[in-house]
Every structure is written in structure tokens, then in C-alpha cells.
Amino acid sequence: FFLTSLAAELGNKAIGVILSGTASDGSLGMKAIK
């Protein structure tokens, strides 16, 4: 939710980092940032 919002807000100034964790939360957000 946040990373997708960040991508829409900042475009090329958005930077995403995924660290340790289970399951797959964050994957769609990273696609949005890219």
C-alpha cells in the first residue's frame, strides 16, 4: 500500500527497499516503483 502510494507521489525520486520477512508483501509495490 505504501510503496504504491510512494511511486505515484514521487516517480523517479521514489526508492524502495525490501528487507527480511515472510510471504510476499512489498512485491507489487516494488513493481510500481520500478
Full PDB file with SEQRES, HELIX, SHEET, SSBOND, CRYST1, ORIGX, SCALE, CONECT and MASTER records, all heavy atoms in Angstrom:
SEQRES   1 A   34  PHE PHE LEU THR SER LEU ALA ALA GLU LEU GLY ASN LYS          
SEQRES   2 A   34  ALA ILE GLY VAL ILE LEU SER GLY THR ALA SER ASP GLY          
SEQRES   3 A   34  SER LEU GLY MET LYS ALA ILE LYS                              
HELIX    1 AA1 PHE A    2  LEU A   10  1                                   9    
HELIX    2 AA2 GLY A   11  LYS A   13  5                                   3    
HELIX    3 AA3 SER A   27  ILE A   33  1                                   7    
CRYST1    1.000    1.000    1.000  90.00  90.00  90.00 P 1           1          
ORIGX1      1.000000  0.000000  0.000000        0.00000                         
ORIGX2      0.000000  1.000000  0.000000        0.00000                         
ORIGX3      0.000000  0.000000  1.000000        0.00000                         
SCALE1      1.000000  0.000000  0.000000        0.00000                         
SCALE2      0.000000  1.000000  0.000000        0.00000                         
SCALE3      0.000000  0.000000  1.000000        0.00000                         
ATOM      1  N   PHE A   1       0.840  -1.200   0.000  1.00  0.00           N  
ATOM      2  CA  PHE A   1       0.000   0.000   0.000  1.00  0.00           C  
ATOM      3  C   PHE A   1       0.871   1.245   0.000  1.00  0.00           C  
ATOM      4  O   PHE A   1       0.669   2.169  -0.803  1.00  0.00           O  
ATOM      5  CB  PHE A   1      -0.923  -0.011   1.228  1.00  0.00           C  
ATOM      6  CG  PHE A   1      -2.029   1.002   1.177  1.00  0.00           C  
ATOM      7  CD1 PHE A   1      -3.286   0.659   0.723  1.00  0.00           C  
ATOM      8  CD2 PHE A   1      -1.807   2.311   1.583  1.00  0.00           C  
ATOM      9  CE1 PHE A   1      -4.312   1.592   0.674  1.00  0.00           C  
ATOM     10  CE2 PHE A   1      -2.818   3.259   1.531  1.00  0.00           C  
ATOM     11  CZ  PHE A   1      -4.075   2.893   1.080  1.00  0.00           C  
ATOM     12  N   PHE A   2       1.872   1.284   0.882  1.00  0.00           N  
ATOM     13  CA  PHE A   2       2.690   2.494   0.966  1.00  0.00           C  
ATOM     14  C   PHE A   2       3.591   2.661  -0.245  1.00  0.00           C  
ATOM     15  O   PHE A   2       3.715   3.760  -0.792  1.00  0.00           O  
ATOM     16  CB  PHE A   2       3.537   2.518   2.239  1.00  0.00           C  
ATOM     17  CG  PHE A   2       4.402   3.753   2.292  1.00  0.00           C  
ATOM     18  CD1 PHE A   2       3.836   4.985   2.544  1.00  0.00           C  
ATOM     19  CD2 PHE A   2       5.768   3.682   2.023  1.00  0.00           C  
ATOM     20  CE1 PHE A   2       4.608   6.147   2.532  1.00  0.00           C  
ATOM     21  CE2 PHE A   2       6.546   4.830   2.010  1.00  0.00           C  
ATOM     22  CZ  PHE A   2       5.963   6.062   2.273  1.00  0.00           C  
ATOM     23  N   LEU A   3       4.259   1.591  -0.670  1.00  0.00           N  
ATOM     24  CA  LEU A   3       5.192   1.719  -1.795  1.00  0.00           C  
ATOM     25  C   LEU A   3       4.473   2.123  -3.076  1.00  0.00           C  
ATOM     26  O   LEU A   3       4.996   2.913  -3.870  1.00  0.00           O  
ATOM     27  CB  LEU A   3       5.959   0.415  -1.999  1.00  0.00           C  
ATOM     28  CG  LEU A   3       6.923   0.008  -0.888  1.00  0.00           C  
ATOM     29  CD1 LEU A   3       7.621  -1.300  -1.234  1.00  0.00           C  
ATOM     30  CD2 LEU A   3       7.954   1.104  -0.610  1.00  0.00           C  
ATOM     31  N   THR A   4       3.260   1.605  -3.296  1.00  0.00           N  
ATOM     32  CA  THR A   4       2.485   2.003  -4.469  1.00  0.00           C  
ATOM     33  C   THR A   4       2.122   3.481  -4.404  1.00  0.00           C  
ATOM     34  O   THR A   4       2.191   4.210  -5.392  1.00  0.00           O  
ATOM     35  CB  THR A   4       1.214   1.140  -4.585  1.00  0.00           C  
ATOM     36  OG1 THR A   4       1.588  -0.242  -4.653  1.00  0.00           O  
ATOM     37  CG2 THR A   4       0.409   1.501  -5.813  1.00  0.00           C  
ATOM     38  N   SER A   5       1.750   3.933  -3.205  1.00  0.00           N  
ATOM     39  CA  SER A   5       1.446   5.345  -2.991  1.00  0.00           C  
ATOM     40  C   SER A   5       2.686   6.207  -3.214  1.00  0.00           C  
ATOM     41  O   SER A   5       2.628   7.271  -3.847  1.00  0.00           O  
ATOM     42  CB  SER A   5       0.914   5.540  -1.569  1.00  0.00           C  
ATOM     43  OG  SER A   5       0.768   6.910  -1.245  1.00  0.00           O  
ATOM     44  N   LEU A   6       3.838   5.745  -2.731  1.00  0.00           N  
ATOM     45  CA  LEU A   6       5.094   6.478  -2.889  1.00  0.00           C  
ATOM     46  C   LEU A   6       5.478   6.599  -4.355  1.00  0.00           C  
ATOM     47  O   LEU A   6       5.934   7.654  -4.811  1.00  0.00           O  
ATOM     48  CB  LEU A   6       6.202   5.771  -2.108  1.00  0.00           C  
ATOM     49  CG  LEU A   6       7.589   6.412  -2.139  1.00  0.00           C  
ATOM     50  CD1 LEU A   6       7.565   7.783  -1.475  1.00  0.00           C  
ATOM     51  CD2 LEU A   6       8.614   5.509  -1.449  1.00  0.00           C  
ATOM     52  N   ALA A   7       5.287   5.522  -5.119  1.00  0.00           N  
ATOM     53  CA  ALA A   7       5.597   5.553  -6.556  1.00  0.00           C  
ATOM     54  C   ALA A   7       4.750   6.599  -7.269  1.00  0.00           C  
ATOM     55  O   ALA A   7       5.252   7.366  -8.107  1.00  0.00           O  
ATOM     56  CB  ALA A   7       5.365   4.174  -7.167  1.00  0.00           C  
ATOM     57  N   ALA A   8       3.461   6.640  -6.946  1.00  0.00           N  
ATOM     58  CA  ALA A   8       2.571   7.617  -7.579  1.00  0.00           C  
ATOM     59  C   ALA A   8       2.930   9.042  -7.172  1.00  0.00           C  
ATOM     60  O   ALA A   8       2.790   9.979  -7.962  1.00  0.00           O  
ATOM     61  CB  ALA A   8       1.118   7.314  -7.205  1.00  0.00           C  
ATOM     62  N   GLU A   9       3.410   9.207  -5.957  1.00  0.00           N  
ATOM     63  CA  GLU A   9       3.737  10.536  -5.437  1.00  0.00           C  
ATOM     64  C   GLU A   9       5.027  11.094  -6.022  1.00  0.00           C  
ATOM     65  O   GLU A   9       5.093  12.263  -6.409  1.00  0.00           O  
ATOM     66  CB  GLU A   9       3.863  10.452  -3.909  1.00  0.00           C  
ATOM     67  CG  GLU A   9       4.343  11.723  -3.219  1.00  0.00           C  
ATOM     68  CD  GLU A   9       3.237  12.733  -2.950  1.00  0.00           C  
ATOM     69  OE1 GLU A   9       2.132  12.579  -3.494  1.00  0.00           O  
ATOM     70  OE2 GLU A   9       3.488  13.686  -2.203  1.00  0.00           O  
ATOM     71  N   LEU A  10       6.068  10.283  -6.100  1.00  0.00           N  
ATOM     72  CA  LEU A  10       7.401  10.808  -6.391  1.00  0.00           C  
ATOM     73  C   LEU A  10       8.011  10.347  -7.706  1.00  0.00           C  
ATOM     74  O   LEU A  10       9.041  10.875  -8.126  1.00  0.00           O  
ATOM     75  CB  LEU A  10       8.364  10.460  -5.249  1.00  0.00           C  
ATOM     76  CG  LEU A  10       8.245  11.272  -3.962  1.00  0.00           C  
ATOM     77  CD1 LEU A  10       9.414  10.975  -3.050  1.00  0.00           C  
ATOM     78  CD2 LEU A  10       8.175  12.753  -4.235  1.00  0.00           C  
ATOM     79  N   GLY A  11       7.463   9.335  -8.351  1.00  0.00           N  
ATOM     80  CA  GLY A  11       8.051   8.870  -9.611  1.00  0.00           C  
ATOM     81  C   GLY A  11       9.486   8.427  -9.444  1.00  0.00           C  
ATOM     82  O   GLY A  11       9.788   7.569  -8.619  1.00  0.00           O  
ATOM     83  N   ASN A  12      10.412   9.050 -10.198  1.00  0.00           N  
ATOM     84  CA  ASN A  12      11.805   8.601 -10.174  1.00  0.00           C  
ATOM     85  C   ASN A  12      12.520   8.937  -8.875  1.00  0.00           C  
ATOM     86  O   ASN A  12      13.630   8.440  -8.627  1.00  0.00           O  
ATOM     87  CB  ASN A  12      12.580   9.205 -11.353  1.00  0.00           C  
ATOM     88  CG  ASN A  12      12.683  10.713 -11.279  1.00  0.00           C  
ATOM     89  OD1 ASN A  12      11.682  11.414 -11.352  1.00  0.00           O  
ATOM     90  ND2 ASN A  12      13.890  11.219 -11.127  1.00  0.00           N  
ATOM     91  N   LYS A  13      11.931   9.747  -8.004  1.00  0.00           N  
ATOM     92  CA  LYS A  13      12.536  10.042  -6.703  1.00  0.00           C  
ATOM     93  C   LYS A  13      12.119   9.029  -5.634  1.00  0.00           C  
ATOM     94  O   LYS A  13      12.538   9.132  -4.479  1.00  0.00           O  
ATOM     95  CB  LYS A  13      12.171  11.449  -6.247  1.00  0.00           C  
ATOM     96  CG  LYS A  13      12.849  12.553  -7.038  1.00  0.00           C  
ATOM     97  CD  LYS A  13      12.469  13.918  -6.473  1.00  0.00           C  
ATOM     98  CE  LYS A  13      13.278  15.019  -7.138  1.00  0.00           C  
ATOM     99  NZ  LYS A  13      13.014  15.135  -8.572  1.00  0.00           N  
ATOM    100  N   ALA A  14      11.284   8.077  -6.007  1.00  0.00           N  
ATOM    101  CA  ALA A  14      10.866   7.029  -5.069  1.00  0.00           C  
ATOM    102  C   ALA A  14      11.909   5.918  -5.046  1.00  0.00           C  
ATOM    103  O   ALA A  14      12.370   5.459  -6.087  1.00  0.00           O  
ATOM    104  CB  ALA A  14       9.507   6.466  -5.468  1.00  0.00           C  
ATOM    105  N   ILE A  15      12.269   5.485  -3.854  1.00  0.00           N  
ATOM    106  CA  ILE A  15      13.224   4.392  -3.678  1.00  0.00           C  
ATOM    107  C   ILE A  15      12.587   3.359  -2.757  1.00  0.00           C  
ATOM    108  O   ILE A  15      12.043   3.716  -1.706  1.00  0.00           O  
ATOM    109  CB  ILE A  15      14.548   4.900  -3.077  1.00  0.00           C  
ATOM    110  CG1 ILE A  15      15.188   5.947  -4.008  1.00  0.00           C  
ATOM    111  CG2 ILE A  15      15.510   3.747  -2.826  1.00  0.00           C  
ATOM    112  CD1 ILE A  15      16.403   6.635  -3.425  1.00  0.00           C  
ATOM    113  N   GLY A  16      12.613   2.095  -3.160  1.00  0.00           N  
ATOM    114  CA  GLY A  16      12.008   1.026  -2.370  1.00  0.00           C  
ATOM    115  C   GLY A  16      13.051   0.037  -1.891  1.00  0.00           C  
ATOM    116  O   GLY A  16      13.981  -0.295  -2.622  1.00  0.00           O  
ATOM    117  N   VAL A  17      12.876  -0.426  -0.661  1.00  0.00           N  
ATOM    118  CA  VAL A  17      13.785  -1.422  -0.071  1.00  0.00           C  
ATOM    119  C   VAL A  17      12.940  -2.496   0.601  1.00  0.00           C  
ATOM    120  O   VAL A  17      12.063  -2.181   1.412  1.00  0.00           O  
ATOM    121  CB  VAL A  17      14.722  -0.785   0.976  1.00  0.00           C  
ATOM    122  CG1 VAL A  17      15.650  -1.840   1.574  1.00  0.00           C  
ATOM    123  CG2 VAL A  17      15.527   0.358   0.378  1.00  0.00           C  
ATOM    124  N   ILE A  18      13.198  -3.757   0.263  1.00  0.00           N  
ATOM    125  CA  ILE A  18      12.523  -4.871   0.930  1.00  0.00           C  
ATOM    126  C   ILE A  18      13.564  -5.647   1.736  1.00  0.00           C  
ATOM    127  O   ILE A  18      14.558  -6.124   1.191  1.00  0.00           O  
ATOM    128  CB  ILE A  18      11.845  -5.814  -0.086  1.00  0.00           C  
ATOM    129  CG1 ILE A  18      10.725  -5.092  -0.816  1.00  0.00           C  
ATOM    130  CG2 ILE A  18      11.296  -7.063   0.619  1.00  0.00           C  
ATOM    131  CD1 ILE A  18       9.570  -4.641   0.056  1.00  0.00           C  
ATOM    132  N   LEU A  19      13.293  -5.780   3.031  1.00  0.00           N  
ATOM    133  CA  LEU A  19      14.192  -6.491   3.939  1.00  0.00           C  
ATOM    134  C   LEU A  19      13.550  -7.795   4.406  1.00  0.00           C  
ATOM    135  O   LEU A  19      12.543  -8.237   3.856  1.00  0.00           O  
ATOM    136  CB  LEU A  19      14.532  -5.591   5.131  1.00  0.00           C  
ATOM    137  CG  LEU A  19      15.221  -4.257   4.797  1.00  0.00           C  
ATOM    138  CD1 LEU A  19      15.411  -3.420   6.057  1.00  0.00           C  
ATOM    139  CD2 LEU A  19      16.556  -4.479   4.101  1.00  0.00           C  
ATOM    140  N   SER A  20      14.116  -8.397   5.410  1.00  0.00           N  
ATOM    141  CA  SER A  20      13.692  -9.705   5.908  1.00  0.00           C  
ATOM    142  C   SER A  20      12.183  -9.763   6.176  1.00  0.00           C  
ATOM    143  O   SER A  20      11.587  -8.814   6.678  1.00  0.00           O  
ATOM    144  CB  SER A  20      14.463  -9.998   7.199  1.00  0.00           C  
ATOM    145  OG  SER A  20      13.988 -11.158   7.823  1.00  0.00           O  
ATOM    146  N   GLY A  21      11.586 -10.909   5.855  1.00  0.00           N  
ATOM    147  CA  GLY A  21      10.177 -11.104   6.151  1.00  0.00           C  
ATOM    148  C   GLY A  21       9.617 -12.331   5.468  1.00  0.00           C  
ATOM    149  O   GLY A  21      10.209 -12.862   4.519  1.00  0.00           O  
ATOM    150  N   THR A  22       8.476 -12.788   5.956  1.00  0.00           N  
ATOM    151  CA  THR A  22       7.794 -13.934   5.361  1.00  0.00           C  
ATOM    152  C   THR A  22       6.733 -13.450   4.374  1.00  0.00           C  
ATOM    153  O   THR A  22       6.324 -12.293   4.390  1.00  0.00           O  
ATOM    154  CB  THR A  22       7.135 -14.792   6.447  1.00  0.00           C  
ATOM    155  OG1 THR A  22       6.244 -13.974   7.221  1.00  0.00           O  
ATOM    156  CG2 THR A  22       8.178 -15.377   7.388  1.00  0.00           C  
ATOM    157  N   ALA A  23       6.289 -14.365   3.497  1.00  0.00           N  
ATOM    158  CA  ALA A  23       5.257 -14.112   2.483  1.00  0.00           C  
ATOM    159  C   ALA A  23       5.766 -13.132   1.428  1.00  0.00           C  
ATOM    160  O   ALA A  23       6.965 -13.101   1.143  1.00  0.00           O  
ATOM    161  CB  ALA A  23       3.957 -13.649   3.128  1.00  0.00           C  
ATOM    162  N   SER A  24       4.873 -12.313   0.866  1.00  0.00           N  
ATOM    163  CA  SER A  24       5.251 -11.568  -0.347  1.00  0.00           C  
ATOM    164  C   SER A  24       4.841 -10.101  -0.322  1.00  0.00           C  
ATOM    165  O   SER A  24       4.875  -9.443  -1.370  1.00  0.00           O  
ATOM    166  CB  SER A  24       4.626 -12.230  -1.580  1.00  0.00           C  
ATOM    167  OG  SER A  24       3.210 -12.198  -1.499  1.00  0.00           O  
ATOM    168  N   ASP A  25       4.459  -9.566   0.819  1.00  0.00           N  
ATOM    169  CA  ASP A  25       4.092  -8.158   0.861  1.00  0.00           C  
ATOM    170  C   ASP A  25       5.279  -7.309   0.386  1.00  0.00           C  
ATOM    171  O   ASP A  25       6.422  -7.551   0.758  1.00  0.00           O  
ATOM    172  CB  ASP A  25       3.702  -7.756   2.291  1.00  0.00           C  
ATOM    173  CG  ASP A  25       3.033  -6.392   2.349  1.00  0.00           C  
ATOM    174  OD1 ASP A  25       2.681  -5.860   1.277  1.00  0.00           O  
ATOM    175  OD2 ASP A  25       2.859  -5.862   3.467  1.00  0.00           O  
ATOM    176  N   GLY A  26       4.987  -6.313  -0.437  1.00  0.00           N  
ATOM    177  CA  GLY A  26       6.025  -5.443  -0.974  1.00  0.00           C  
ATOM    178  C   GLY A  26       6.346  -5.692  -2.434  1.00  0.00           C  
ATOM    179  O   GLY A  26       6.843  -4.789  -3.117  1.00  0.00           O  
ATOM    180  N   SER A  27       6.045  -6.884  -2.933  1.00  0.00           N  
ATOM    181  CA  SER A  27       6.402  -7.199  -4.323  1.00  0.00           C  
ATOM    182  C   SER A  27       5.677  -6.301  -5.321  1.00  0.00           C  
ATOM    183  O   SER A  27       6.285  -5.778  -6.261  1.00  0.00           O  
ATOM    184  CB  SER A  27       6.105  -8.667  -4.625  1.00  0.00           C  
ATOM    185  OG  SER A  27       6.934  -9.518  -3.864  1.00  0.00           O  
ATOM    186  N   LEU A  28       4.372  -6.107  -5.130  1.00  0.00           N  
ATOM    187  CA  LEU A  28       3.628  -5.237  -6.042  1.00  0.00           C  
ATOM    188  C   LEU A  28       4.077  -3.785  -5.921  1.00  0.00           C  
ATOM    189  O   LEU A  28       4.123  -3.051  -6.908  1.00  0.00           O  
ATOM    190  CB  LEU A  28       2.131  -5.338  -5.773  1.00  0.00           C  
ATOM    191  CG  LEU A  28       1.422  -6.608  -6.239  1.00  0.00           C  
ATOM    192  CD1 LEU A  28      -0.072  -6.498  -5.975  1.00  0.00           C  
ATOM    193  CD2 LEU A  28       1.669  -6.865  -7.711  1.00  0.00           C  
ATOM    194  N   GLY A  29       4.400  -3.375  -4.718  1.00  0.00           N  
ATOM    195  CA  GLY A  29       4.889  -2.014  -4.515  1.00  0.00           C  
ATOM    196  C   GLY A  29       6.200  -1.762  -5.218  1.00  0.00           C  
ATOM    197  O   GLY A  29       6.431  -0.679  -5.782  1.00  0.00           O  
ATOM    198  N   MET A  30       7.087  -2.766  -5.232  1.00  0.00           N  
ATOM    199  CA  MET A  30       8.360  -2.611  -5.931  1.00  0.00           C  
ATOM    200  C   MET A  30       8.141  -2.530  -7.440  1.00  0.00           C  
ATOM    201  O   MET A  30       8.826  -1.792  -8.148  1.00  0.00           O  
ATOM    202  CB  MET A  30       9.288  -3.772  -5.581  1.00  0.00           C  
ATOM    203  CG  MET A  30       9.661  -3.836  -4.109  1.00  0.00           C  
ATOM    204  SD  MET A  30      10.472  -2.342  -3.517  1.00  0.00           S  
ATOM    205  CE  MET A  30      12.171  -2.882  -3.510  1.00  0.00           C  
ATOM    206  N   LYS A  31       7.174  -3.281  -7.949  1.00  0.00           N  
ATOM    207  CA  LYS A  31       6.848  -3.184  -9.373  1.00  0.00           C  
ATOM    208  C   LYS A  31       6.358  -1.778  -9.707  1.00  0.00           C  
ATOM    209  O   LYS A  31       6.707  -1.225 -10.755  1.00  0.00           O  
ATOM    210  CB  LYS A  31       5.779  -4.215  -9.741  1.00  0.00           C  
ATOM    211  CG  LYS A  31       6.272  -5.648  -9.748  1.00  0.00           C  
ATOM    212  CD  LYS A  31       5.161  -6.640 -10.047  1.00  0.00           C  
ATOM    213  CE  LYS A  31       4.679  -6.580 -11.468  1.00  0.00           C  
ATOM    214  NZ  LYS A  31       3.694  -7.635 -11.786  1.00  0.00           N  
ATOM    215  N   ALA A  32       5.568  -1.191  -8.819  1.00  0.00           N  
ATOM    216  CA  ALA A  32       5.054   0.156  -9.058  1.00  0.00           C  
ATOM    217  C   ALA A  32       6.191   1.177  -9.072  1.00  0.00           C  
ATOM    218  O   ALA A  32       6.222   2.079  -9.924  1.00  0.00           O  
ATOM    219  CB  ALA A  32       4.028   0.522  -7.988  1.00  0.00           C  
ATOM    220  N   ILE A  33       7.139   1.039  -8.152  1.00  0.00           N  
ATOM    221  CA  ILE A  33       8.270   1.971  -8.110  1.00  0.00           C  
ATOM    222  C   ILE A  33       9.120   1.833  -9.363  1.00  0.00           C  
ATOM    223  O   ILE A  33       9.528   2.823  -9.984  1.00  0.00           O  
ATOM    224  CB  ILE A  33       9.107   1.741  -6.841  1.00  0.00           C  
ATOM    225  CG1 ILE A  33       8.342   2.251  -5.614  1.00  0.00           C  
ATOM    226  CG2 ILE A  33      10.472   2.432  -6.930  1.00  0.00           C  
ATOM    227  CD1 ILE A  33       9.040   2.020  -4.293  1.00  0.00           C  
ATOM    228  N   LYS A  34       9.398   0.588  -9.754  1.00  0.00           N  
ATOM    229  CA  LYS A  34      10.204   0.375 -10.962  1.00  0.00           C  
ATOM    230  C   LYS A  34       9.481   0.942 -12.189  1.00  0.00           C  
ATOM    231  O   LYS A  34      10.115   1.563 -13.058  1.00  0.00           O  
ATOM    232  CB  LYS A  34      10.436  -1.125 -11.135  1.00  0.00           C  
ATOM    233  CG  LYS A  34      11.298  -1.531 -12.344  1.00  0.00           C  
ATOM    234  CD  LYS A  34      12.760  -1.201 -12.114  1.00  0.00           C  
ATOM    235  CE  LYS A  34      13.631  -1.760 -13.242  1.00  0.00           C  
ATOM    236  NZ  LYS A  34      13.844  -3.209 -13.114  1.00  0.00           N  
TER     237      LYS A  34                                                      
MASTER        0    0    0    3    0    0    0    6  236    1    0    3          
END                                                                             
